[in-house]
Amino acid sequence: MKLRIAVTGVAAIGAIVSGSAAFAQNVPSQFVVSGAAAEKIQDFTTINLATAERIAGACEAAAAKQGVEISVMVLDNDGNHVYMDRMDGQGYLAIATAEMKARTALMDRQPSKLRMNQVIEDPTREMQIIQLGLFANSGGLPIVVNKQLIGAVGVGGSAPRVPVWSDEICAHKALEEVLGPSVPPLEKDLPPRRNPNRGNAPVPRFAATTTPKSSLPPEFVVSGKGAAEVYDGNQISLAAAKKIARTCRDWAASKGGSMSLYIIDTAGEFVHMERMDGQVFNNIRTALLKAQTALKTRQPTSIRAVQLKNDPSGIPRQLAYYDFFTNAGGIPIVVDGQMIGAVGVGGGAGGGDENCAIEGLKATFGQHVTLPVYPPAQ
């Protein structure tokens, strides 16, 4: 009897696997990782870079039409970063909440607005929602194609003007543009619950009276209205970050490789991120660690990589106490003597992570950028 039950269980598992395979085969190849790249990660149902980039671009274009800025994060179905943009002028909360909304939609397999509505209807539920690691705010949507979850998108940073505009509307418009009319309609909006004990304490205003300026060309850094919102004229602009990434991506592909890349600003916050198809968690994670180490040390990570080879004494101490990462591929972005961010590349890039980053920096900033210089080998 036990044997029969076991056989039945195996058959059931086989049916489940077959059903999953059927869904996977029904997802059009333009939306998911396929071919040799999918074989590397053993996953034919995860969103590819091209689709993630289109979703982010469509949302940014919609935001620009409304005269607002947003941050957008696209995750794959395992919760790994695939693509991220922070429009100029966005601060920490916008960047952080974009990812929190995406993760909530991914874990719940439903719009993050549903958790927000639960809290509106019953505020006592929010503590449990927080304990579950979920974020009760709208703006996160699962990305589903032919009944197959391939990822999630989260948008943060813009003030809602429902039913005309909100972070969620931005994400929804982008999904409709990229995936078509099969995207489910938006969930209903509930009126916010009023606080019966609301106070009347005056709230201070804090706004720059003078737009921060930089000595660098405006195409390299956040400028104008965006700089006034972050009080910093020396943060790398999204346009410059995208150019670095695009050049590095094309260079890696020309070498028959792929890469993961992070570009962070001088505060260590995300500006742009992308993961080429076939990259796994280690590639993604090391790219971020390299960018963060380059920012903290104000040096390329290749310096410590060589130091570790030449004389490992002291390096373990730096790793343990300061969380430095010693693999080459992280470079501070220094333009005309001014650091405006850092870039980290992982995954090999076909011809070396540091080389990939250098190609992106040279194409974007030309002679303005400071690059690693290697003395002749002795």
Protein backbone atom coordinates (compact mmCIF):
# COMPACT_ATOMS: atom_id res chain seq x y z
CA MET A 1 0.00 0.00 0.00
CA LYS A 2 2.82 2.36 0.87
CA LEU A 3 4.52 1.55 -2.43
CA ARG A 4 1.35 2.33 -4.36
CA ILE A 5 1.02 5.68 -2.59
CA ALA A 6 4.63 6.51 -3.40
CA VAL A 7 4.14 5.68 -7.06
CA THR A 8 0.99 7.80 -7.15
CA GLY A 9 2.91 10.69 -5.57
CA VAL A 10 5.64 10.43 -8.20
CA ALA A 11 3.03 10.41 -10.92
CA ALA A 12 1.44 13.50 -9.43
CA ILE A 13 4.79 15.27 -9.28
CA GLY A 14 5.40 14.30 -12.88
CA ALA A 15 2.05 15.81 -13.83
CA ILE A 16 2.94 19.02 -12.04
CA VAL A 17 6.30 19.22 -13.79
CA SER A 18 4.67 18.51 -17.14
CA GLY A 19 2.13 21.21 -16.51
CA SER A 20 4.86 23.70 -15.67
CA ALA A 21 6.74 22.74 -18.82
CA ALA A 22 3.60 23.30 -20.87
CA PHE A 23 3.23 26.81 -19.48
CA ALA A 24 6.90 27.52 -20.09
CA GLN A 25 6.62 26.49 -23.73
CA ASN A 26 3.63 28.79 -24.17
CA VAL A 27 5.57 31.91 -23.14
CA PRO A 28 6.76 33.70 -26.30
CA SER A 29 10.55 33.66 -26.59
CA GLN A 30 10.80 37.45 -26.85
CA PHE A 31 9.77 37.75 -23.18
CA VAL A 32 11.95 35.11 -21.51
CA VAL A 33 15.54 33.94 -21.39
CA SER A 34 16.05 31.29 -24.07
CA GLY A 35 18.69 29.27 -25.89
CA ALA A 36 22.20 28.88 -24.48
CA ALA A 37 21.62 31.63 -21.90
CA ALA A 38 18.65 29.76 -20.42
CA GLU A 39 20.69 26.56 -20.28
CA LYS A 40 23.30 28.34 -18.17
CA ILE A 41 20.74 29.26 -15.52
CA GLN A 42 18.56 26.16 -16.09
CA ASP A 43 15.48 28.36 -16.35
CA PHE A 44 13.32 28.95 -19.42
CA THR A 45 10.62 30.94 -17.61
CA THR A 46 12.50 33.95 -16.27
CA ILE A 47 12.16 37.43 -17.77
CA ASN A 48 14.95 38.42 -20.14
CA LEU A 49 16.90 41.67 -20.18
CA ALA A 50 15.23 42.95 -23.37
CA THR A 51 11.73 42.70 -21.88
CA ALA A 52 12.77 44.21 -18.55
CA GLU A 53 14.44 47.12 -20.33
CA ARG A 54 11.35 47.77 -22.45
CA ILE A 55 9.10 47.77 -19.36
CA ALA A 56 11.35 50.25 -17.55
CA GLY A 57 11.65 52.44 -20.63
CA ALA A 58 7.90 52.54 -21.20
CA CYS A 59 7.27 53.53 -17.58
CA GLU A 60 9.92 56.26 -17.72
CA ALA A 61 8.42 57.63 -20.94
CA ALA A 62 4.96 57.74 -19.32
CA ALA A 63 6.41 59.51 -16.27
CA ALA A 64 8.16 62.08 -18.48
CA LYS A 65 4.84 62.89 -20.17
CA GLN A 66 3.39 63.60 -16.74
CA GLY A 67 6.36 65.78 -15.79
CA VAL A 68 7.39 63.51 -12.90
CA GLU A 69 10.34 61.24 -12.09
CA ILE A 70 10.19 57.62 -10.96
CA SER A 71 12.44 54.76 -9.92
CA VAL A 72 11.71 51.35 -11.43
CA MET A 73 12.98 47.90 -10.50
CA VAL A 74 12.40 44.68 -12.45
CA LEU A 75 13.05 41.33 -10.72
CA ASP A 76 13.14 37.84 -12.20
CA ASN A 77 10.99 35.03 -10.84
CA ASP A 78 13.73 34.13 -8.33
CA GLY A 79 13.88 37.66 -6.94
CA ASN A 80 17.18 38.61 -8.60
CA HIS A 81 17.72 42.10 -10.01
CA VAL A 82 17.32 42.18 -13.80
CA TYR A 83 17.01 45.89 -14.61
CA MET A 84 16.77 49.11 -12.62
CA ASP A 85 16.65 52.82 -13.41
CA ARG A 86 16.50 55.86 -11.16
CA MET A 87 15.41 58.97 -13.01
CA ASP A 88 17.33 62.14 -12.13
CA GLY A 89 16.14 63.77 -8.91
CA GLN A 90 15.00 60.59 -7.17
CA GLY A 91 16.12 60.07 -3.58
CA TYR A 92 16.62 57.04 -1.33
CA LEU A 93 12.98 56.37 -0.43
CA ALA A 94 11.90 56.22 -4.07
CA ILE A 95 14.69 53.77 -4.92
CA ALA A 96 14.12 51.56 -1.87
CA THR A 97 10.34 51.41 -2.19
CA ALA A 98 10.49 50.50 -5.88
CA GLU A 99 12.31 47.30 -4.95
CA MET A 100 10.10 46.64 -1.91
CA LYS A 101 6.98 46.89 -4.07
CA ALA A 102 8.42 44.54 -6.69
CA ARG A 103 9.36 41.98 -4.03
CA THR A 104 5.89 42.18 -2.47
CA ALA A 105 4.25 41.55 -5.86
CA LEU A 106 6.63 38.65 -6.49
CA MET A 107 6.08 36.96 -3.11
CA ASP A 108 2.32 37.50 -3.13
CA ARG A 109 1.81 36.80 -6.87
CA GLN A 110 -0.55 39.78 -6.86
CA PRO A 111 -0.44 43.59 -6.98
CA SER A 112 1.06 45.20 -3.88
CA LYS A 113 -2.00 47.48 -3.80
CA LEU A 114 -4.02 44.59 -2.36
CA ARG A 115 -1.87 44.70 0.79
CA MET A 116 -2.31 48.47 0.94
CA ASN A 117 -6.08 48.05 0.71
CA GLN A 118 -6.00 45.52 3.56
CA VAL A 119 -4.29 48.08 5.79
CA ILE A 120 -6.75 50.79 4.78
CA GLU A 121 -9.64 48.51 5.74
CA ASP A 122 -7.97 47.26 8.93
CA PRO A 123 -4.84 49.10 10.17
CA THR A 124 -4.14 46.35 12.71
CA ARG A 125 -3.08 44.05 9.86
CA GLU A 126 -0.02 46.10 8.91
CA MET A 127 2.20 44.66 11.66
CA GLN A 128 1.67 41.12 10.38
CA ILE A 129 2.27 42.27 6.80
CA ILE A 130 5.57 43.85 7.86
CA GLN A 131 6.57 40.70 9.75
CA LEU A 132 6.02 38.74 6.54
CA GLY A 133 8.46 41.04 4.74
CA LEU A 134 5.77 42.64 2.59
CA PHE A 135 5.25 46.31 1.77
CA ALA A 136 1.70 47.66 1.92
CA ASN A 137 1.88 50.25 -0.85
CA SER A 138 0.76 50.28 -4.45
CA GLY A 139 3.19 50.24 -7.34
CA GLY A 140 4.24 46.59 -7.51
CA LEU A 141 2.83 44.23 -10.15
CA PRO A 142 3.63 40.61 -11.03
CA ILE A 143 4.72 40.06 -14.64
CA VAL A 144 2.64 37.17 -15.97
CA VAL A 145 2.62 35.87 -19.55
CA ASN A 146 0.32 32.99 -20.56
CA LYS A 147 -0.36 32.16 -16.90
CA GLN A 148 3.37 31.94 -16.18
CA LEU A 149 4.99 34.28 -13.64
CA ILE A 150 8.26 35.49 -15.18
CA GLY A 151 9.10 38.33 -12.80
CA ALA A 152 7.78 41.46 -11.08
CA VAL A 153 8.05 45.21 -11.49
CA GLY A 154 8.01 47.89 -8.80
CA VAL A 155 7.73 51.65 -9.29
CA GLY A 156 8.33 54.32 -6.66
CA GLY A 157 8.88 58.03 -6.36
CA SER A 158 5.89 59.89 -7.77
CA ALA A 159 2.93 61.47 -5.95
CA PRO A 160 -0.37 59.76 -6.89
CA ARG A 161 -3.15 61.58 -8.76
CA VAL A 162 -5.60 58.72 -9.11
CA PRO A 163 -7.18 57.90 -11.52
CA VAL A 164 -4.84 59.89 -13.79
CA TRP A 165 -1.47 58.91 -12.37
CA SER A 166 0.30 56.82 -9.76
CA ASP A 167 3.32 54.55 -9.52
CA GLU A 168 1.02 51.59 -10.14
CA ILE A 169 -0.57 53.23 -13.18
CA CYS A 170 2.94 53.79 -14.55
CA ALA A 171 3.82 50.10 -14.11
CA HIS A 172 0.48 49.00 -15.56
CA LYS A 173 0.80 51.21 -18.63
CA ALA A 174 4.29 49.82 -19.23
CA LEU A 175 3.13 46.20 -18.95
CA GLU A 176 0.25 46.83 -21.35
CA GLU A 177 2.60 48.43 -23.86
CA VAL A 178 5.13 45.59 -23.70
CA LEU A 179 2.96 42.52 -23.04
CA GLY A 180 -0.30 43.55 -24.67
CA PRO A 181 -3.96 43.63 -23.55
CA SER A 182 -3.75 40.39 -21.54
CA VAL A 183 -2.48 42.35 -18.52
CA PRO A 184 -5.18 42.25 -15.79
CA PRO A 185 -6.98 45.53 -15.01
CA LEU A 186 -5.94 47.59 -12.01
CA GLU A 187 -7.39 46.71 -8.62
CA LYS A 188 -9.87 49.15 -7.10
CA ASP A 189 -8.61 52.16 -5.17
CA LEU A 190 -9.94 52.62 -1.65
CA PRO A 191 -10.20 56.08 -0.07
CA PRO A 192 -7.51 56.59 2.58
CA ARG A 193 -8.63 56.10 6.18
CA ARG A 194 -8.59 59.31 8.20
CA ASN A 195 -6.67 59.39 11.47
CA PRO A 196 -9.20 60.36 14.18
CA ASN A 197 -6.40 61.79 16.36
CA ARG A 198 -4.63 63.73 13.67
CA GLY A 199 -2.50 66.58 15.04
CA ASN A 200 -2.07 70.07 13.68
CA ALA A 201 1.66 70.54 14.23
CA PRO A 202 3.25 72.74 11.54
CA VAL A 203 5.26 70.83 8.95
CA PRO A 204 8.44 72.59 7.79
CA ARG A 205 9.25 73.05 4.14
CA PHE A 206 12.73 72.11 2.96
CA ALA A 207 13.55 73.05 -0.60
CA ALA A 208 16.63 74.35 -2.34
CA THR A 209 16.35 78.03 -3.23
CA THR A 210 19.28 77.75 -5.63
CA THR A 211 19.75 74.86 -8.04
CA PRO A 212 23.00 73.03 -7.23
CA LYS A 213 25.54 73.44 -10.02
CA SER A 214 28.49 71.37 -11.15
CA SER A 215 31.60 72.23 -13.10
CA LEU A 216 30.96 69.10 -15.19
CA PRO A 217 28.95 69.07 -18.44
CA PRO A 218 25.23 68.58 -17.70
CA GLU A 219 25.04 65.33 -19.69
CA PHE A 220 27.33 63.70 -17.11
CA VAL A 221 25.55 64.71 -13.90
CA VAL A 222 22.10 65.38 -12.46
CA SER A 223 21.25 69.01 -13.20
CA GLY A 224 18.39 71.50 -13.16
CA LYS A 225 15.19 70.43 -11.40
CA GLY A 226 16.61 67.00 -10.64
CA ALA A 227 19.63 68.44 -8.84
CA ALA A 228 17.41 70.78 -6.81
CA GLU A 229 15.44 67.77 -5.57
CA VAL A 230 18.52 65.84 -4.41
CA TYR A 231 20.63 68.92 -3.50
CA ASP A 232 23.54 67.46 -5.43
CA GLY A 233 24.98 68.60 -8.75
CA ASN A 234 27.68 65.94 -8.68
CA GLN A 235 25.64 62.74 -8.98
CA ILE A 236 25.98 60.77 -12.18
CA SER A 237 22.99 61.24 -14.48
CA LEU A 238 20.81 58.35 -15.63
CA ALA A 239 21.69 59.11 -19.27
CA ALA A 240 25.42 58.76 -18.56
CA ALA A 241 24.87 55.59 -16.53
CA LYS A 242 22.86 54.00 -19.33
CA LYS A 243 25.56 54.82 -21.87
CA ILE A 244 28.21 53.13 -19.71
CA ALA A 245 26.00 50.05 -19.39
CA ARG A 246 25.06 49.88 -23.07
CA THR A 247 28.69 50.10 -24.15
CA CYS A 248 29.77 47.45 -21.65
CA ARG A 249 26.88 45.20 -22.70
CA ASP A 250 27.75 45.47 -26.37
CA TRP A 251 31.46 44.93 -25.65
CA ALA A 252 30.74 41.78 -23.62
CA ALA A 253 28.46 40.43 -26.34
CA SER A 254 31.16 41.09 -28.97
CA LYS A 255 33.49 38.89 -26.91
CA GLY A 256 30.92 36.10 -26.71
CA GLY A 257 30.24 36.79 -23.03
CA SER A 258 27.71 38.42 -20.74
CA MET A 259 27.80 40.56 -17.63
CA SER A 260 25.92 42.03 -14.70
CA LEU A 261 26.41 45.72 -13.95
CA TYR A 262 25.55 48.20 -11.22
CA ILE A 263 26.07 51.94 -11.29
CA ILE A 264 25.62 53.73 -7.97
CA ASP A 265 25.74 57.40 -7.04
CA THR A 266 28.04 59.04 -4.49
CA ALA A 267 25.62 58.12 -1.68
CA GLY A 268 25.74 54.46 -2.69
CA GLU A 269 22.19 54.37 -4.06
CA PHE A 270 21.24 52.61 -7.28
CA VAL A 271 21.20 54.66 -10.47
CA HIS A 272 21.12 51.89 -13.05
CA MET A 273 21.40 48.10 -13.02
CA GLU A 274 21.15 45.39 -15.63
CA ARG A 275 21.76 41.67 -15.81
CA MET A 276 22.39 40.11 -19.20
CA ASP A 277 20.64 36.82 -19.93
CA GLY A 278 22.38 33.75 -18.51
CA GLN A 279 23.89 35.49 -15.48
CA VAL A 280 23.39 33.82 -12.09
CA PHE A 281 23.18 35.18 -8.55
CA ASN A 282 26.95 35.19 -7.93
CA ASN A 283 27.52 37.34 -11.03
CA ILE A 284 24.85 39.81 -9.93
CA ARG A 285 25.98 39.96 -6.32
CA THR A 286 29.68 40.41 -7.08
CA ALA A 287 28.92 43.26 -9.48
CA LEU A 288 27.19 45.14 -6.65
CA LEU A 289 29.96 44.36 -4.16
CA LYS A 290 32.57 45.68 -6.61
CA ALA A 291 30.68 48.95 -7.15
CA GLN A 292 30.24 49.44 -3.40
CA THR A 293 33.92 48.69 -2.68
CA ALA A 294 35.09 51.10 -5.39
CA LEU A 295 32.86 53.82 -3.93
CA LYS A 296 34.05 53.31 -0.35
CA THR A 297 37.75 53.05 -1.20
CA ARG A 298 37.78 55.63 -4.02
CA GLN A 299 39.95 53.09 -5.87
CA PRO A 300 39.49 50.37 -8.47
CA THR A 301 38.93 46.97 -6.86
CA SER A 302 41.76 45.63 -9.03
CA ILE A 303 44.23 47.34 -6.65
CA ARG A 304 43.28 45.06 -3.79
CA ALA A 305 43.00 42.09 -6.11
CA VAL A 306 46.68 42.53 -7.01
CA GLN A 307 47.65 43.28 -3.41
CA LEU A 308 46.06 40.00 -2.37
CA LYS A 309 48.26 38.16 -4.86
CA ASN A 310 51.45 40.04 -4.01
CA ASP A 311 51.10 40.13 -0.21
CA PRO A 312 47.92 38.75 1.37
CA SER A 313 48.80 40.02 4.87
CA GLY A 314 46.28 42.60 6.03
CA ILE A 315 43.79 41.92 3.25
CA PRO A 316 41.60 39.50 5.30
CA ARG A 317 41.35 42.23 7.94
CA GLN A 318 40.07 44.69 5.34
CA LEU A 319 37.56 42.17 4.07
CA ALA A 320 36.21 41.29 7.51
CA TYR A 321 36.07 44.77 9.01
CA TYR A 322 35.17 46.91 6.01
CA ASP A 323 33.31 44.51 3.70
CA PHE A 324 35.69 45.20 0.81
CA PHE A 325 35.55 42.89 -2.20
CA THR A 326 38.85 42.11 -3.87
CA ASN A 327 37.92 41.00 -7.39
CA ALA A 328 38.64 43.34 -10.31
CA GLY A 329 35.66 44.99 -11.97
CA GLY A 330 34.78 47.91 -9.70
CA ILE A 331 35.90 51.45 -10.63
CA PRO A 332 35.02 54.79 -9.05
CA ILE A 333 33.62 57.14 -11.69
CA VAL A 334 35.89 60.18 -11.53
CA VAL A 335 35.33 62.87 -14.17
CA ASP A 336 37.58 65.93 -14.31
CA GLY A 337 38.80 65.09 -10.81
CA GLN A 338 35.26 64.84 -9.37
CA MET A 339 33.84 61.50 -8.23
CA ILE A 340 30.23 61.20 -9.34
CA GLY A 341 29.56 57.52 -8.66
CA ALA A 342 30.95 54.03 -9.11
CA VAL A 343 30.50 51.12 -11.50
CA GLY A 344 30.77 47.41 -10.79
CA VAL A 345 30.80 44.64 -13.40
CA GLY A 346 30.55 40.90 -12.69
CA GLY A 347 30.15 37.73 -14.69
CA GLY A 348 33.30 37.70 -16.81
CA ALA A 349 32.05 39.97 -19.61
CA GLY A 350 33.86 37.85 -22.19
CA GLY A 351 37.08 39.81 -21.92
CA GLY A 352 37.32 40.81 -18.26
CA ASP A 353 34.97 42.70 -15.95
CA GLU A 354 37.32 45.67 -15.46
CA ASN A 355 37.94 45.95 -19.20
CA CYS A 356 34.18 46.03 -19.79
CA ALA A 357 33.74 48.85 -17.28
CA ILE A 358 36.65 50.76 -18.81
CA GLU A 359 35.12 50.53 -22.29
CA GLY A 360 31.87 51.99 -20.94
CA LEU A 361 33.64 54.81 -19.11
CA LYS A 362 35.77 55.76 -22.12
CA ALA A 363 32.79 55.80 -24.48
CA THR A 364 30.78 57.97 -22.10
CA PHE A 365 33.31 60.46 -20.74
CA GLY A 366 36.24 60.32 -23.18
CA GLN A 367 39.36 62.08 -21.93
CA HIS A 368 37.50 63.47 -18.90
CA VAL A 369 37.52 60.17 -16.98
CA THR A 370 40.23 58.74 -14.71
CA LEU A 371 41.07 55.10 -15.48
CA PRO A 372 43.36 52.46 -13.94
CA VAL A 373 46.93 52.64 -15.25
CA TYR A 374 49.11 49.55 -15.00
CA PRO A 375 52.90 49.89 -14.79
CA PRO A 376 55.02 47.50 -16.87
CA ALA A 377 55.39 44.07 -15.28
CA GLN A 378 58.71 43.57 -13.52
